[in-house]
Amino acid sequence: MAISQWLKGFAKPVAIVLFTDERTQQVSVAASIAKLIVPYQLIVPLIDNEAFFCKLCSPFLSCKENSVQQWGYTAAIILTEMI
């Protein structure tokens, strides 16, 4: 199954947590193919913090260094507010 088809199967909004920049870029491209609007329908956080990959994605992804625990806490708050 293609990543774009896989992404279409989730209830929106959804966050996909990925642990490599390369996979994050692949999901970002697949979201574009699936016509999903990042970050409104799909949230793709970038954990590796590699600025080069942030700029390759469309739309650009934000890269900022945070502790994973703090990032998870903040993401949970945002998702709770969206629901």
N, C-alpha and C. Protein backbone atom coordinates (compact mmCIF):
# COMPACT_ATOMS: atom_id res chain seq x y z
N MET A 1 0.85 -1.17 0.00
CA MET A 1 0.00 0.00 0.00
C MET A 1 0.90 1.24 0.00
N ALA A 2 0.56 2.19 -0.82
CA ALA A 2 1.33 3.44 -0.89
C ALA A 2 1.09 4.27 0.37
N ILE A 3 2.09 5.05 0.74
CA ILE A 3 1.97 5.88 1.94
C ILE A 3 0.80 6.84 1.81
N SER A 4 0.58 7.41 0.63
CA SER A 4 -0.52 8.36 0.46
C SER A 4 -1.87 7.70 0.71
N GLN A 5 -2.04 6.46 0.28
CA GLN A 5 -3.29 5.74 0.53
C GLN A 5 -3.45 5.45 2.03
N TRP A 6 -2.35 5.10 2.66
CA TRP A 6 -2.34 4.82 4.09
C TRP A 6 -2.76 6.05 4.88
N LEU A 7 -2.24 7.21 4.50
CA LEU A 7 -2.57 8.45 5.19
C LEU A 7 -4.05 8.82 5.04
N LYS A 8 -4.62 8.54 3.88
CA LYS A 8 -6.04 8.85 3.65
C LYS A 8 -6.96 8.07 4.58
N GLY A 9 -6.50 6.93 5.10
CA GLY A 9 -7.33 6.08 5.93
C GLY A 9 -7.55 6.57 7.36
N PHE A 10 -6.80 7.58 7.80
CA PHE A 10 -6.92 8.08 9.17
C PHE A 10 -8.00 9.14 9.27
N ALA A 11 -8.69 9.18 10.44
CA ALA A 11 -9.59 10.29 10.73
C ALA A 11 -8.73 11.54 10.89
N LYS A 12 -9.21 12.67 10.43
CA LYS A 12 -8.44 13.90 10.47
C LYS A 12 -8.99 14.80 11.56
N PRO A 13 -8.15 15.58 12.22
CA PRO A 13 -6.71 15.70 12.06
C PRO A 13 -5.99 14.53 12.71
N VAL A 14 -4.78 14.27 12.22
CA VAL A 14 -3.97 13.19 12.74
C VAL A 14 -2.51 13.64 12.78
N ALA A 15 -1.78 13.12 13.76
CA ALA A 15 -0.34 13.37 13.84
C ALA A 15 0.39 12.05 13.64
N ILE A 16 1.39 12.06 12.80
CA ILE A 16 2.23 10.90 12.56
C ILE A 16 3.62 11.23 13.11
N VAL A 17 4.04 10.53 14.13
CA VAL A 17 5.35 10.77 14.74
C VAL A 17 6.37 9.87 14.05
N LEU A 18 7.39 10.49 13.49
CA LEU A 18 8.43 9.76 12.76
C LEU A 18 9.78 10.06 13.39
N PHE A 19 10.70 9.12 13.23
CA PHE A 19 11.97 9.26 13.92
C PHE A 19 13.17 9.43 13.01
N THR A 20 12.95 9.59 11.72
CA THR A 20 14.06 9.92 10.82
C THR A 20 13.60 11.02 9.88
N ASP A 21 14.53 11.88 9.52
CA ASP A 21 14.22 12.98 8.60
C ASP A 21 13.77 12.45 7.25
N GLU A 22 14.42 11.40 6.78
CA GLU A 22 14.08 10.86 5.47
C GLU A 22 12.64 10.38 5.42
N ARG A 23 12.20 9.67 6.47
CA ARG A 23 10.82 9.18 6.52
C ARG A 23 9.84 10.34 6.63
N THR A 24 10.21 11.37 7.37
CA THR A 24 9.36 12.55 7.50
C THR A 24 9.16 13.20 6.14
N GLN A 25 10.23 13.28 5.36
CA GLN A 25 10.12 13.85 4.01
C GLN A 25 9.22 12.99 3.14
N GLN A 26 9.34 11.67 3.22
CA GLN A 26 8.50 10.78 2.43
C GLN A 26 7.02 10.96 2.79
N VAL A 27 6.72 11.07 4.06
CA VAL A 27 5.34 11.26 4.49
C VAL A 27 4.82 12.62 4.05
N SER A 28 5.67 13.64 4.10
CA SER A 28 5.27 14.97 3.64
C SER A 28 4.91 14.95 2.16
N VAL A 29 5.72 14.28 1.36
CA VAL A 29 5.43 14.16 -0.08
C VAL A 29 4.15 13.36 -0.30
N ALA A 30 3.99 12.27 0.45
CA ALA A 30 2.79 11.45 0.32
C ALA A 30 1.54 12.24 0.71
N ALA A 31 1.65 13.09 1.71
CA ALA A 31 0.52 13.94 2.11
C ALA A 31 0.12 14.87 0.98
N SER A 32 1.10 15.40 0.29
CA SER A 32 0.83 16.26 -0.86
C SER A 32 0.12 15.49 -1.96
N ILE A 33 0.58 14.28 -2.23
CA ILE A 33 -0.06 13.43 -3.24
C ILE A 33 -1.49 13.11 -2.84
N ALA A 34 -1.71 12.88 -1.54
CA ALA A 34 -3.04 12.55 -1.03
C ALA A 34 -3.93 13.78 -0.87
N LYS A 35 -3.36 14.95 -1.18
CA LYS A 35 -4.07 16.23 -1.06
C LYS A 35 -4.49 16.53 0.38
N LEU A 36 -3.64 16.16 1.32
CA LEU A 36 -3.87 16.49 2.72
C LEU A 36 -3.18 17.81 3.04
N ILE A 37 -3.81 18.61 3.84
CA ILE A 37 -3.28 19.92 4.17
C ILE A 37 -2.48 19.83 5.47
N VAL A 38 -1.17 20.02 5.35
CA VAL A 38 -0.27 20.04 6.50
C VAL A 38 -0.17 21.49 6.97
N PRO A 39 -0.38 21.83 8.18
CA PRO A 39 -0.55 21.01 9.38
C PRO A 39 -1.99 20.90 9.84
N TYR A 40 -2.96 21.24 9.01
CA TYR A 40 -4.35 21.25 9.46
C TYR A 40 -4.99 19.86 9.48
N GLN A 41 -4.69 19.04 8.50
CA GLN A 41 -5.22 17.68 8.48
C GLN A 41 -4.19 16.66 8.94
N LEU A 42 -2.94 16.96 8.72
CA LEU A 42 -1.86 16.05 9.07
C LEU A 42 -0.72 16.83 9.72
N ILE A 43 -0.36 16.40 10.92
CA ILE A 43 0.76 17.01 11.64
C ILE A 43 1.93 16.04 11.53
N VAL A 44 3.05 16.55 11.02
CA VAL A 44 4.24 15.71 10.84
C VAL A 44 5.41 16.37 11.56
N PRO A 45 5.59 16.01 12.83
CA PRO A 45 6.70 16.62 13.57
C PRO A 45 8.05 16.05 13.13
N LEU A 46 9.03 16.89 13.13
CA LEU A 46 10.38 16.48 12.73
C LEU A 46 11.24 16.34 13.98
N ILE A 47 11.65 15.13 14.29
CA ILE A 47 12.36 14.86 15.53
C ILE A 47 13.87 14.92 15.37
N ASP A 48 14.40 14.51 14.22
CA ASP A 48 15.86 14.50 14.04
C ASP A 48 16.47 15.89 14.00
N ASN A 49 15.67 16.90 13.69
CA ASN A 49 16.10 18.30 13.72
C ASN A 49 17.17 18.62 12.69
N GLU A 50 17.03 18.11 11.50
CA GLU A 50 17.98 18.37 10.42
C GLU A 50 17.38 19.45 9.51
N ALA A 51 17.92 20.65 9.57
CA ALA A 51 17.36 21.80 8.84
C ALA A 51 17.30 21.55 7.34
N PHE A 52 18.24 20.81 6.79
CA PHE A 52 18.25 20.52 5.35
C PHE A 52 16.95 19.84 4.93
N PHE A 53 16.50 18.85 5.69
CA PHE A 53 15.28 18.13 5.35
C PHE A 53 14.04 18.99 5.57
N CYS A 54 14.09 19.89 6.53
CA CYS A 54 12.96 20.80 6.75
C CYS A 54 12.67 21.60 5.49
N LYS A 55 13.73 22.04 4.83
CA LYS A 55 13.57 22.89 3.66
C LYS A 55 13.20 22.09 2.41
N LEU A 56 13.45 20.79 2.41
CA LEU A 56 13.08 19.95 1.27
C LEU A 56 11.59 19.65 1.22
N CYS A 57 10.95 19.69 2.36
CA CYS A 57 9.53 19.34 2.44
C CYS A 57 8.65 20.51 2.03
N SER A 58 7.50 20.18 1.51
CA SER A 58 6.53 21.20 1.12
C SER A 58 5.19 20.85 1.74
N PRO A 59 4.67 21.69 2.63
CA PRO A 59 5.26 22.93 3.11
C PRO A 59 6.49 22.66 3.96
N PHE A 60 7.30 23.70 4.14
CA PHE A 60 8.49 23.55 4.98
C PHE A 60 8.08 23.06 6.36
N LEU A 61 8.88 22.20 6.91
CA LEU A 61 8.65 21.74 8.27
C LEU A 61 9.51 22.56 9.22
N SER A 62 8.99 22.73 10.43
CA SER A 62 9.78 23.49 11.40
C SER A 62 10.75 22.55 12.10
N CYS A 63 11.93 23.05 12.36
CA CYS A 63 12.96 22.29 13.05
C CYS A 63 13.35 23.09 14.28
N LYS A 64 13.06 22.55 15.40
CA LYS A 64 13.58 23.19 16.61
C LYS A 64 13.84 22.11 17.62
N GLU A 65 14.89 22.31 18.35
CA GLU A 65 15.31 21.29 19.30
C GLU A 65 14.49 21.39 20.58
N ASN A 66 13.87 20.31 20.94
CA ASN A 66 13.09 20.19 22.16
C ASN A 66 13.35 18.83 22.75
N SER A 67 13.05 18.70 24.01
CA SER A 67 13.10 17.36 24.57
C SER A 67 11.88 16.61 24.04
N VAL A 68 12.01 15.33 23.81
CA VAL A 68 10.91 14.54 23.28
C VAL A 68 9.73 14.56 24.25
N GLN A 69 9.99 14.55 25.54
CA GLN A 69 8.90 14.59 26.51
C GLN A 69 8.13 15.90 26.40
N GLN A 70 8.82 17.01 26.30
CA GLN A 70 8.15 18.31 26.19
C GLN A 70 7.37 18.39 24.89
N TRP A 71 7.96 17.89 23.80
CA TRP A 71 7.26 17.90 22.52
C TRP A 71 5.97 17.08 22.60
N GLY A 72 6.03 15.90 23.20
CA GLY A 72 4.85 15.05 23.32
C GLY A 72 3.76 15.71 24.15
N TYR A 73 4.15 16.35 25.23
CA TYR A 73 3.19 17.05 26.09
C TYR A 73 2.51 18.18 25.31
N THR A 74 3.30 18.96 24.59
CA THR A 74 2.75 20.05 23.80
C THR A 74 1.85 19.55 22.68
N ALA A 75 2.25 18.49 21.99
CA ALA A 75 1.42 17.91 20.92
C ALA A 75 0.10 17.43 21.47
N ALA A 76 0.11 16.81 22.64
CA ALA A 76 -1.13 16.32 23.25
C ALA A 76 -2.07 17.47 23.57
N ILE A 77 -1.54 18.56 24.05
CA ILE A 77 -2.38 19.73 24.34
C ILE A 77 -3.01 20.28 23.06
N ILE A 78 -2.20 20.41 22.00
CA ILE A 78 -2.71 20.93 20.73
C ILE A 78 -3.78 20.02 20.15
N LEU A 79 -3.53 18.72 20.15
CA LEU A 79 -4.50 17.77 19.61
C LEU A 79 -5.78 17.76 20.44
N THR A 80 -5.66 17.88 21.75
CA THR A 80 -6.85 17.94 22.61
C THR A 80 -7.68 19.16 22.27
N GLU A 81 -7.04 20.30 22.05
CA GLU A 81 -7.76 21.51 21.69
C GLU A 81 -8.44 21.38 20.33
N MET A 82 -7.81 20.66 19.40
CA MET A 82 -8.39 20.48 18.06
C MET A 82 -9.61 19.57 18.09
N ILE A 83 -9.63 18.65 19.05
CA ILE A 83 -10.76 17.71 19.14
C ILE A 83 -11.87 18.42 19.85
